[in-house]
PDB file of N, CA and C in Angstrom:
ATOM      1  N   GLU A   1       0.540 -16.600   7.957  1.00  0.00           N
ATOM      2  CA  GLU A   1       1.233 -15.568   7.107  1.00  0.00           C
ATOM      3  C   GLU A   1       2.298 -14.823   7.898  1.00  0.00           C
ATOM      4  N   SER A   2       3.435 -14.732   7.256  1.00  0.00           N
ATOM      5  CA  SER A   2       4.540 -14.029   7.998  1.00  0.00           C
ATOM      6  C   SER A   2       4.418 -12.471   7.673  1.00  0.00           C
ATOM      7  N   SER A   3       5.082 -11.783   8.567  1.00  0.00           N
ATOM      8  CA  SER A   3       5.128 -10.357   8.401  1.00  0.00           C
ATOM      9  C   SER A   3       6.269  -9.895   7.614  1.00  0.00           C
ATOM     10  N   ILE A   4       6.048  -9.054   6.691  1.00  0.00           N
ATOM     11  CA  ILE A   4       7.157  -8.533   5.754  1.00  0.00           C
ATOM     12  C   ILE A   4       7.786  -7.386   6.558  1.00  0.00           C
ATOM     13  N   ARG A   5       9.065  -7.309   6.507  1.00  0.00           N
ATOM     14  CA  ARG A   5       9.792  -6.222   7.127  1.00  0.00           C
ATOM     15  C   ARG A   5      10.869  -5.635   6.267  1.00  0.00           C
ATOM     16  N   LEU A   6      10.970  -4.346   6.242  1.00  0.00           N
ATOM     17  CA  LEU A   6      12.203  -3.706   5.810  1.00  0.00           C
ATOM     18  C   LEU A   6      13.197  -3.575   6.904  1.00  0.00           C
ATOM     19  N   PRO A   7      14.401  -3.524   6.581  1.00  0.00           N
ATOM     20  CA  PRO A   7      15.440  -3.309   7.634  1.00  0.00           C
ATOM     21  C   PRO A   7      14.917  -2.156   8.543  1.00  0.00           C
ATOM     22  N   GLU A   8      14.751  -2.454   9.859  1.00  0.00           N
ATOM     23  CA  GLU A   8      14.302  -1.498  10.872  1.00  0.00           C
ATOM     24  C   GLU A   8      12.950  -0.917  10.674  1.00  0.00           C
ATOM     25  N   LYS A   9      12.161  -1.393   9.734  1.00  0.00           N
ATOM     26  CA  LYS A   9      10.873  -0.839   9.506  1.00  0.00           C
ATOM     27  C   LYS A   9       9.780  -1.912   9.420  1.00  0.00           C
ATOM     28  N   THR A  10       8.614  -1.705   9.908  1.00  0.00           N
ATOM     29  CA  THR A  10       7.455  -2.531   9.666  1.00  0.00           C
ATOM     30  C   THR A  10       6.346  -1.706   9.090  1.00  0.00           C
ATOM     31  N   VAL A  11       5.390  -2.314   8.467  1.00  0.00           N
ATOM     32  CA  VAL A  11       4.232  -1.659   7.947  1.00  0.00           C
ATOM     33  C   VAL A  11       3.576  -0.660   8.931  1.00  0.00           C
ATOM     34  N   TYR A  12       3.567  -1.086  10.125  1.00  0.00           N
ATOM     35  CA  TYR A  12       2.879  -0.295  11.198  1.00  0.00           C
ATOM     36  C   TYR A  12       3.571   0.998  11.540  1.00  0.00           C
ATOM     37  N   GLN A  13       4.800   1.222  11.098  1.00  0.00           N
ATOM     38  CA  GLN A  13       5.535   2.516  11.310  1.00  0.00           C
ATOM     39  C   GLN A  13       5.159   3.554  10.419  1.00  0.00           C
ATOM     40  N   TYR A  14       4.407   3.283   9.342  1.00  0.00           N
ATOM     41  CA  TYR A  14       4.096   4.281   8.373  1.00  0.00           C
ATOM     42  C   TYR A  14       2.824   4.995   8.582  1.00  0.00           C
ATOM     43  N   LEU A  15       2.805   6.257   8.241  1.00  0.00           N
ATOM     44  CA  LEU A  15       1.653   7.021   8.421  1.00  0.00           C
ATOM     45  C   LEU A  15       1.200   7.518   6.991  1.00  0.00           C
ATOM     46  N   ASP A  16       2.036   7.320   5.897  1.00  0.00           N
ATOM     47  CA  ASP A  16       1.769   7.663   4.561  1.00  0.00           C
ATOM     48  C   ASP A  16       1.714   6.329   3.758  1.00  0.00           C
ATOM     49  N   TYR A  17       0.532   5.990   3.230  1.00  0.00           N
ATOM     50  CA  TYR A  17       0.434   4.796   2.483  1.00  0.00           C
ATOM     51  C   TYR A  17       1.221   4.797   1.144  1.00  0.00           C
ATOM     52  N   ARG A  18       1.391   5.961   0.646  1.00  0.00           N
ATOM     53  CA  ARG A  18       2.141   5.995  -0.591  1.00  0.00           C
ATOM     54  C   ARG A  18       3.607   5.579  -0.460  1.00  0.00           C
ATOM     55  N   GLN A  19       4.172   6.119   0.627  1.00  0.00           N
ATOM     56  CA  GLN A  19       5.621   5.843   0.972  1.00  0.00           C
ATOM     57  C   GLN A  19       5.694   4.312   1.362  1.00  0.00           C
ATOM     58  N   LEU A  20       4.713   3.795   2.082  1.00  0.00           N
ATOM     59  CA  LEU A  20       4.693   2.396   2.433  1.00  0.00           C
ATOM     60  C   LEU A  20       4.724   1.545   1.116  1.00  0.00           C
ATOM     61  N   ILE A  21       3.796   1.815   0.269  1.00  0.00           N
ATOM     62  CA  ILE A  21       3.793   1.047  -1.021  1.00  0.00           C
ATOM     63  C   ILE A  21       5.095   1.193  -1.686  1.00  0.00           C
ATOM     64  N   SER A  22       5.636   2.383  -1.869  1.00  0.00           N
ATOM     65  CA  SER A  22       6.932   2.616  -2.558  1.00  0.00           C
ATOM     66  C   SER A  22       8.118   1.762  -2.008  1.00  0.00           C
ATOM     67  N   ASP A  23       8.191   1.853  -0.603  1.00  0.00           N
ATOM     68  CA  ASP A  23       9.191   1.220   0.017  1.00  0.00           C
ATOM     69  C   ASP A  23       9.096  -0.325  -0.125  1.00  0.00           C
ATOM     70  N   PHE A  24       7.875  -0.874   0.092  1.00  0.00           N
ATOM     71  CA  PHE A  24       7.681  -2.315   0.054  1.00  0.00           C
ATOM     72  C   PHE A  24       7.788  -2.879  -1.322  1.00  0.00           C
ATOM     73  N   PHE A  25       7.319  -2.083  -2.363  1.00  0.00           N
ATOM     74  CA  PHE A  25       7.506  -2.586  -3.674  1.00  0.00           C
ATOM     75  C   PHE A  25       9.100  -2.552  -3.996  1.00  0.00           C
ATOM     76  N   ALA A  26       9.797  -1.565  -3.630  1.00  0.00           N
ATOM     77  CA  ALA A  26      11.214  -1.537  -3.837  1.00  0.00           C
ATOM     78  C   ALA A  26      11.891  -2.791  -3.237  1.00  0.00           C
ATOM     79  N   LEU A  27      11.438  -3.234  -2.005  1.00  0.00           N
ATOM     80  CA  LEU A  27      11.987  -4.430  -1.412  1.00  0.00           C
ATOM     81  C   LEU A  27      11.593  -5.603  -2.233  1.00  0.00           C
ATOM     82  N   LYS A  28      10.410  -5.755  -2.705  1.00  0.00           N
ATOM     83  CA  LYS A  28      10.036  -6.801  -3.488  1.00  0.00           C
ATOM     84  C   LYS A  28      10.840  -6.858  -4.881  1.00  0.00           C
ATOM     85  N   LYS A  29      11.071  -5.752  -5.368  1.00  0.00           N
ATOM     86  CA  LYS A  29      11.894  -5.684  -6.659  1.00  0.00           C
ATOM     87  C   LYS A  29      13.301  -6.073  -6.454  1.00  0.00           C
ATOM     88  N   GLU A  30      13.803  -5.632  -5.293  1.00  0.00           N
ATOM     89  CA  GLU A  30      15.246  -6.055  -4.944  1.00  0.00           C
ATOM     90  C   GLU A  30      15.379  -7.588  -4.547  1.00  0.00           C
ATOM     91  N   THR A  31      14.461  -8.014  -3.777  1.00  0.00           N
ATOM     92  CA  THR A  31      14.575  -9.435  -3.233  1.00  0.00           C
ATOM     93  C   THR A  31      14.052 -10.494  -4.150  1.00  0.00           C
ATOM     94  N   GLU A  32      13.022 -10.087  -4.876  1.00  0.00           N
ATOM     95  CA  GLU A  32      12.312 -11.099  -5.739  1.00  0.00           C
ATOM     96  C   GLU A  32      12.330 -10.767  -7.160  1.00  0.00           C
ATOM     97  N   GLY A  33      12.897  -9.581  -7.596  1.00  0.00           N
ATOM     98  CA  GLY A  33      12.936  -9.241  -9.038  1.00  0.00           C
ATOM     99  C   GLY A  33      11.534  -8.809  -9.568  1.00  0.00           C
ATOM    100  N   MET A  34      10.626  -8.448  -8.706  1.00  0.00           N
ATOM    101  CA  MET A  34       9.254  -8.123  -9.102  1.00  0.00           C
ATOM    102  C   MET A  34       9.350  -6.858  -9.958  1.00  0.00           C
ATOM    103  N   THR A  35       8.609  -6.763 -11.157  1.00  0.00           N
ATOM    104  CA  THR A  35       8.600  -5.658 -11.974  1.00  0.00           C
ATOM    105  C   THR A  35       7.306  -4.849 -11.607  1.00  0.00           C
ATOM    106  N   LEU A  36       7.297  -3.657 -11.998  1.00  0.00           N
ATOM    107  CA  LEU A  36       6.023  -2.815 -11.762  1.00  0.00           C
ATOM    108  C   LEU A  36       4.856  -3.395 -12.467  1.00  0.00           C
ATOM    109  N   ARG A  37       5.139  -3.930 -13.680  1.00  0.00           N
ATOM    110  CA  ARG A  37       3.990  -4.559 -14.388  1.00  0.00           C
ATOM    111  C   ARG A  37       3.459  -5.746 -13.650  1.00  0.00           C
ATOM    112  N   GLU A  38       4.388  -6.541 -13.100  1.00  0.00           N
ATOM    113  CA  GLU A  38       3.972  -7.760 -12.338  1.00  0.00           C
ATOM    114  C   GLU A  38       3.241  -7.335 -11.070  1.00  0.00           C
ATOM    115  N   PHE A  39       3.639  -6.292 -10.423  1.00  0.00           N
ATOM    116  CA  PHE A  39       3.051  -5.726  -9.179  1.00  0.00           C
ATOM    117  C   PHE A  39       1.656  -5.279  -9.515  1.00  0.00           C
ATOM    118  N   ALA A  40       1.526  -4.360 -10.602  1.00  0.00           N
ATOM    119  CA  ALA A  40       0.225  -3.958 -10.987  1.00  0.00           C
ATOM    120  C   ALA A  40      -0.724  -5.055 -11.280  1.00  0.00           C
ATOM    121  N   SER A  41      -0.133  -5.969 -12.137  1.00  0.00           N
ATOM    122  CA  SER A  41      -1.136  -7.096 -12.506  1.00  0.00           C
ATOM    123  C   SER A  41      -1.581  -7.929 -11.303  1.00  0.00           C
ATOM    124  N   ALA A  42      -0.629  -8.222 -10.338  1.00  0.00           N
ATOM    125  CA  ALA A  42      -1.004  -8.927  -9.173  1.00  0.00           C
ATOM    126  C   ALA A  42      -2.049  -8.187  -8.319  1.00  0.00           C
ATOM    127  N   ALA A  43      -2.055  -6.854  -8.374  1.00  0.00           N
ATOM    128  CA  ALA A  43      -2.943  -6.115  -7.670  1.00  0.00           C
ATOM    129  C   ALA A  43      -4.263  -5.821  -8.385  1.00  0.00           C
ATOM    130  N   GLY A  44      -4.349  -6.365  -9.589  1.00  0.00           N
ATOM    131  CA  GLY A  44      -5.566  -6.243 -10.390  1.00  0.00           C
ATOM    132  C   GLY A  44      -5.756  -4.986 -11.202  1.00  0.00           C
ATOM    133  N   PHE A  45      -4.655  -4.331 -11.516  1.00  0.00           N
ATOM    134  CA  PHE A  45      -4.674  -3.076 -12.329  1.00  0.00           C
ATOM    135  C   PHE A  45      -4.213  -3.439 -13.660  1.00  0.00           C
ATOM    136  N   SER A  46      -4.887  -2.969 -14.781  1.00  0.00           N
ATOM    137  CA  SER A  46      -4.485  -3.211 -16.101  1.00  0.00           C
ATOM    138  C   SER A  46      -3.329  -2.326 -16.559  1.00  0.00           C
ATOM    139  N   ALA A  47      -3.244  -1.168 -15.954  1.00  0.00           N
ATOM    140  CA  ALA A  47      -2.143  -0.263 -16.374  1.00  0.00           C
ATOM    141  C   ALA A  47      -1.205  -0.068 -15.157  1.00  0.00           C
ATOM    142  N   HIS A  48       0.072  -0.451 -15.504  1.00  0.00           N
ATOM    143  CA  HIS A  48       1.190  -0.360 -14.447  1.00  0.00           C
ATOM    144  C   HIS A  48       1.308   1.208 -14.002  1.00  0.00           C
ATOM    145  N   SER A  49       0.966   2.092 -14.918  1.00  0.00           N
ATOM    146  CA  SER A  49       1.187   3.538 -14.543  1.00  0.00           C
ATOM    147  C   SER A  49       0.313   3.922 -13.451  1.00  0.00           C
ATOM    148  N   PHE A  50      -0.824   3.165 -13.163  1.00  0.00           N
ATOM    149  CA  PHE A  50      -1.618   3.493 -12.051  1.00  0.00           C
ATOM    150  C   PHE A  50      -0.825   3.537 -10.711  1.00  0.00           C
ATOM    151  N   ILE A  51      -0.067   2.377 -10.522  1.00  0.00           N
ATOM    152  CA  ILE A  51       0.747   2.307  -9.293  1.00  0.00           C
ATOM    153  C   ILE A  51       1.687   3.545  -9.226  1.00  0.00           C
ATOM    154  N   THR A  52       2.350   3.827 -10.289  1.00  0.00           N
ATOM    155  CA  THR A  52       3.331   4.856 -10.254  1.00  0.00           C
ATOM    156  C   THR A  52       2.528   6.229  -9.939  1.00  0.00           C
ATOM    157  N   ASN A  53       1.378   6.416 -10.411  1.00  0.00           N
ATOM    158  CA  ASN A  53       0.585   7.640 -10.113  1.00  0.00           C
ATOM    159  C   ASN A  53       0.117   7.650  -8.652  1.00  0.00           C
ATOM    160  N   VAL A  54      -0.205   6.496  -8.140  1.00  0.00           N
ATOM    161  CA  VAL A  54      -0.554   6.423  -6.664  1.00  0.00           C
ATOM    162  C   VAL A  54       0.668   6.883  -5.868  1.00  0.00           C
ATOM    163  N   ILE A  55       1.811   6.302  -6.210  1.00  0.00           N
ATOM    164  CA  ILE A  55       3.035   6.617  -5.408  1.00  0.00           C
ATOM    165  C   ILE A  55       3.395   8.139  -5.519  1.00  0.00           C
ATOM    166  N   LYS A  56       3.181   8.700  -6.715  1.00  0.00           N
ATOM    167  CA  LYS A  56       3.459  10.131  -6.857  1.00  0.00           C
ATOM    168  C   LYS A  56       2.371  10.983  -6.304  1.00  0.00           C
ATOM    169  N   GLY A  57       1.258  10.493  -5.929  1.00  0.00           N
ATOM    170  CA  GLY A  57       0.195  11.242  -5.315  1.00  0.00           C
ATOM    171  C   GLY A  57      -0.831  11.861  -6.362  1.00  0.00           C
ATOM    172  N   THR A  58      -0.748  11.497  -7.597  1.00  0.00           N
ATOM    173  CA  THR A  58      -1.674  11.973  -8.595  1.00  0.00           C
ATOM    174  C   THR A  58      -2.869  11.108  -8.740  1.00  0.00           C
ATOM    175  N   ARG A  59      -2.972   9.923  -8.159  1.00  0.00           N
ATOM    176  CA  ARG A  59      -4.130   9.105  -8.151  1.00  0.00           C
ATOM    177  C   ARG A  59      -4.136   8.482  -6.707  1.00  0.00           C
ATOM    178  N   SER A  60      -5.356   8.131  -6.297  1.00  0.00           N
ATOM    179  CA  SER A  60      -5.490   7.594  -4.922  1.00  0.00           C
ATOM    180  C   SER A  60      -6.089   6.149  -4.980  1.00  0.00           C
ATOM    181  N   LEU A  61      -5.813   5.407  -3.945  1.00  0.00           N
ATOM    182  CA  LEU A  61      -6.385   4.066  -3.792  1.00  0.00           C
ATOM    183  C   LEU A  61      -7.756   4.096  -3.151  1.00  0.00           C
ATOM    184  N   THR A  62      -8.598   3.199  -3.366  1.00  0.00           N
ATOM    185  CA  THR A  62      -9.782   2.975  -2.631  1.00  0.00           C
ATOM    186  C   THR A  62      -9.467   1.929  -1.549  1.00  0.00           C
ATOM    187  N   VAL A  63     -10.366   1.713  -0.623  1.00  0.00           N
ATOM    188  CA  VAL A  63     -10.005   0.614   0.337  1.00  0.00           C
ATOM    189  C   VAL A  63      -9.925  -0.678  -0.308  1.00  0.00           C
ATOM    190  N   GLU A  64     -10.774  -0.989  -1.265  1.00  0.00           N
ATOM    191  CA  GLU A  64     -10.790  -2.226  -2.071  1.00  0.00           C
ATOM    192  C   GLU A  64      -9.484  -2.462  -2.731  1.00  0.00           C
ATOM    193  N   SER A  65      -8.994  -1.412  -3.493  1.00  0.00           N
ATOM    194  CA  SER A  65      -7.740  -1.536  -4.167  1.00  0.00           C
ATOM    195  C   SER A  65      -6.535  -1.545  -3.266  1.00  0.00           C
ATOM    196  N   ALA A  66      -6.677  -0.957  -2.093  1.00  0.00           N
ATOM    197  CA  ALA A  66      -5.564  -0.966  -1.169  1.00  0.00           C
ATOM    198  C   ALA A  66      -5.348  -2.464  -0.676  1.00  0.00           C
ATOM    199  N   ASP A  67      -6.466  -3.145  -0.409  1.00  0.00           N
ATOM    200  CA  ASP A  67      -6.432  -4.499   0.048  1.00  0.00           C
ATOM    201  C   ASP A  67      -5.733  -5.401  -1.063  1.00  0.00           C
ATOM    202  N   ARG A  68      -6.072  -5.099  -2.277  1.00  0.00           N
ATOM    203  CA  ARG A  68      -5.411  -5.914  -3.428  1.00  0.00           C
ATOM    204  C   ARG A  68      -3.944  -5.516  -3.455  1.00  0.00           C
ATOM    205  N   VAL A  69      -3.572  -4.278  -3.227  1.00  0.00           N
ATOM    206  CA  VAL A  69      -2.187  -3.903  -3.210  1.00  0.00           C
ATOM    207  C   VAL A  69      -1.353  -4.650  -2.152  1.00  0.00           C
ATOM    208  N   GLY A  70      -1.967  -4.657  -0.921  1.00  0.00           N
ATOM    209  CA  GLY A  70      -1.437  -5.394   0.211  1.00  0.00           C
ATOM    210  C   GLY A  70      -1.160  -6.862  -0.132  1.00  0.00           C
ATOM    211  N   ARG A  71      -2.239  -7.461  -0.718  1.00  0.00           N
ATOM    212  CA  ARG A  71      -2.050  -8.891  -1.167  1.00  0.00           C
ATOM    213  C   ARG A  71      -0.880  -9.053  -2.099  1.00  0.00           C
ATOM    214  N   ALA A  72      -0.828  -8.161  -3.126  1.00  0.00           N
ATOM    215  CA  ALA A  72       0.211  -8.193  -4.130  1.00  0.00           C
ATOM    216  C   ALA A  72       1.620  -8.087  -3.423  1.00  0.00           C
ATOM    217  N   LEU A  73       1.693  -7.316  -2.455  1.00  0.00           N
ATOM    218  CA  LEU A  73       3.018  -7.111  -1.701  1.00  0.00           C
ATOM    219  C   LEU A  73       3.247  -8.223  -0.648  1.00  0.00           C
ATOM    220  N   GLY A  74       2.275  -9.134  -0.515  1.00  0.00           N
ATOM    221  CA  GLY A  74       2.520 -10.261   0.493  1.00  0.00           C
ATOM    222  C   GLY A  74       2.232  -9.901   1.921  1.00  0.00           C
ATOM    223  N   PHE A  75       1.374  -8.831   2.150  1.00  0.00           N
ATOM    224  CA  PHE A  75       1.049  -8.452   3.509  1.00  0.00           C
ATOM    225  C   PHE A  75       0.127  -9.433   4.138  1.00  0.00           C
ATOM    226  N   ASN A  76       0.257  -9.680   5.425  1.00  0.00           N
ATOM    227  CA  ASN A  76      -0.698 -10.519   6.072  1.00  0.00           C
ATOM    228  C   ASN A  76      -2.061  -9.712   6.374  1.00  0.00           C
ATOM    229  N   ALA A  77      -3.034 -10.330   6.955  1.00  0.00           N
ATOM    230  CA  ALA A  77      -4.340  -9.672   7.056  1.00  0.00           C
ATOM    231  C   ALA A  77      -4.249  -8.382   7.894  1.00  0.00           C
ATOM    232  N   GLY A  78      -3.540  -8.413   9.048  1.00  0.00           N
ATOM    233  CA  GLY A  78      -3.400  -7.254   9.834  1.00  0.00           C
ATOM    234  C   GLY A  78      -2.686  -6.101   9.105  1.00  0.00           C
ATOM    235  N   GLU A  79      -1.726  -6.395   8.330  1.00  0.00           N
ATOM    236  CA  GLU A  79      -0.961  -5.416   7.539  1.00  0.00           C
ATOM    237  C   GLU A  79      -1.879  -4.805   6.483  1.00  0.00           C
ATOM    238  N   ARG A  80      -2.657  -5.648   5.862  1.00  0.00           N
ATOM    239  CA  ARG A  80      -3.589  -5.142   4.841  1.00  0.00           C
ATOM    240  C   ARG A  80      -4.649  -4.294   5.427  1.00  0.00           C
ATOM    241  N   ASP A  81      -5.130  -4.633   6.638  1.00  0.00           N
ATOM    242  CA  ASP A  81      -6.100  -3.803   7.405  1.00  0.00           C
ATOM    243  C   ASP A  81      -5.500  -2.414   7.649  1.00  0.00           C
ATOM    244  N   TYR A  82      -4.260  -2.396   8.083  1.00  0.00           N
ATOM    245  CA  TYR A  82      -3.550  -1.160   8.424  1.00  0.00           C
ATOM    246  C   TYR A  82      -3.343  -0.345   7.169  1.00  0.00           C
ATOM    247  N   LEU A  83      -2.992  -0.926   6.012  1.00  0.00           N
ATOM    248  CA  LEU A  83      -2.924  -0.172   4.806  1.00  0.00           C
ATOM    249  C   LEU A  83      -4.322   0.438   4.401  1.00  0.00           C
ATOM    250  N   CYS A  84      -5.302  -0.323   4.615  1.00  0.00           N
ATOM    251  CA  CYS A  84      -6.648   0.215   4.298  1.00  0.00           C
ATOM    252  C   CYS A  84      -7.083   1.328   5.208  1.00  0.00           C
ATOM    253  N   LEU A  85      -6.715   1.243   6.474  1.00  0.00           N
ATOM    254  CA  LEU A  85      -6.905   2.417   7.453  1.00  0.00           C
ATOM    255  C   LEU A  85      -6.157   3.625   6.972  1.00  0.00           C
ATOM    256  N   LEU A  86      -5.024   3.452   6.528  1.00  0.00           N
ATOM    257  CA  LEU A  86      -4.162   4.710   6.027  1.00  0.00           C
ATOM    258  C   LEU A  86      -4.831   5.300   4.828  1.00  0.00           C
ATOM    259  N   VAL A  87      -5.411   4.428   3.985  1.00  0.00           N
ATOM    260  CA  VAL A  87      -6.120   4.981   2.764  1.00  0.00           C
ATOM    261  C   VAL A  87      -7.376   5.753   3.197  1.00  0.00           C
ATOM    262  N   ARG A  88      -8.124   5.155   4.152  1.00  0.00           N
ATOM    263  CA  ARG A  88      -9.349   5.786   4.670  1.00  0.00           C
ATOM    264  C   ARG A  88      -8.957   7.083   5.324  1.00  0.00           C
ATOM    265  N   PHE A  89      -7.870   7.115   6.117  1.00  0.00           N
ATOM    266  CA  PHE A  89      -7.520   8.297   6.893  1.00  0.00           C
ATOM    267  C   PHE A  89      -7.226   9.400   5.899  1.00  0.00           C
ATOM    268  N   GLU A  90      -6.433   9.128   4.856  1.00  0.00           N
ATOM    269  CA  GLU A  90      -6.066  10.201   3.830  1.00  0.00           C
ATOM    270  C   GLU A  90      -7.364  10.700   3.156  1.00  0.00           C
ATOM    271  N   ALA A  91      -8.260   9.812   2.857  1.00  0.00           N
ATOM    272  CA  ALA A  91      -9.482  10.182   2.126  1.00  0.00           C
ATOM    273  C   ALA A  91     -10.491  10.991   2.969  1.00  0.00           C
ATOM    274  N   ALA A  92     -10.402  10.955   4.333  1.00  0.00           N
ATOM    275  CA  ALA A  92     -11.362  11.522   5.211  1.00  0.00           C
ATOM    276  C   ALA A  92     -11.315  13.105   5.042  1.00  0.00           C
ATOM    277  N   ALA A  93     -12.566  13.608   4.993  1.00  0.00           N
ATOM    278  CA  ALA A  93     -12.668  15.026   4.594  1.00  0.00           C
ATOM    279  C   ALA A  93     -12.595  15.934   5.888  1.00  0.00           C
ATOM    280  N   THR A  94     -12.949  15.408   7.066  1.00  0.00           N
ATOM    281  CA  THR A  94     -12.925  16.247   8.153  1.00  0.00           C
ATOM    282  C   THR A  94     -12.154  15.635   9.290  1.00  0.00           C
ATOM    283  N   ALA A  95     -11.895  16.459  10.295  1.00  0.00           N
ATOM    284  CA  ALA A  95     -11.043  16.072  11.482  1.00  0.00           C
ATOM    285  C   ALA A  95     -11.815  14.985  12.198  1.00  0.00           C
ATOM    286  N   ALA A  96     -13.102  15.172  12.253  1.00  0.00           N
ATOM    287  CA  ALA A  96     -14.040  14.164  12.929  1.00  0.00           C
ATOM    288  C   ALA A  96     -13.879  12.819  12.264  1.00  0.00           C
ATOM    289  N   GLU A  97     -13.913  12.820  10.977  1.00  0.00           N
ATOM    290  CA  GLU A  97     -13.756  11.458  10.306  1.00  0.00           C
ATOM    291  C   GLU A  97     -12.413  10.980  10.555  1.00  0.00           C
ATOM    292  N   LYS A  98     -11.411  11.687  10.509  1.00  0.00           N
ATOM    293  CA  LYS A  98      -9.983  11.273  10.747  1.00  0.00           C
ATOM    294  C   LYS A  98      -9.855  10.718  12.208  1.00  0.00           C
ATOM    295  N   ASN A  99     -10.509  11.382  13.202  1.00  0.00           N
ATOM    296  CA  ASN A  99     -10.445  10.835  14.521  1.00  0.00           C
ATOM    297  C   ASN A  99     -11.192   9.574  14.701  1.00  0.00           C
ATOM    298  N   GLU A 100     -12.255   9.459  13.893  1.00  0.00           N
ATOM    299  CA  GLU A 100     -12.922   8.202  14.018  1.00  0.00           C
ATOM    300  C   GLU A 100     -12.095   7.002  13.528  1.00  0.00           C
ATOM    301  N   ILE A 101     -11.256   7.264  12.520  1.00  0.00           N
ATOM    302  CA  ILE A 101     -10.452   6.096  11.983  1.00  0.00           C
ATOM    303  C   ILE A 101      -9.338   5.712  12.823  1.00  0.00           C
ATOM    304  N   PHE A 102      -8.593   6.748  13.357  1.00  0.00           N
ATOM    305  CA  PHE A 102      -7.511   6.454  14.324  1.00  0.00           C
ATOM    306  C   PHE A 102      -7.800   6.871  15.704  1.00  0.00           C
TER     307      PHE A 102
END
């Protein structure tokens, strides 16, 4: 699997999974014409508004849904693992939990 890159950016430069998803979806939209409905469907969500709400911060991903989102964006295994770590990090309730993740 090849690594997807934005100009000057890689998945690993992100600390905010919402911005990562937003930027890489925008790239897929621009380069492949992917619609939000197609993206949501490829990630296994019945409502495309869920992705919009995740990006806006009103909904959150689980580790399992993060993996599906990574697959829908064409991420390789390492990139999907990193996305899942970012989701876990945001969901961590304590500093100790956050330190354990990163």
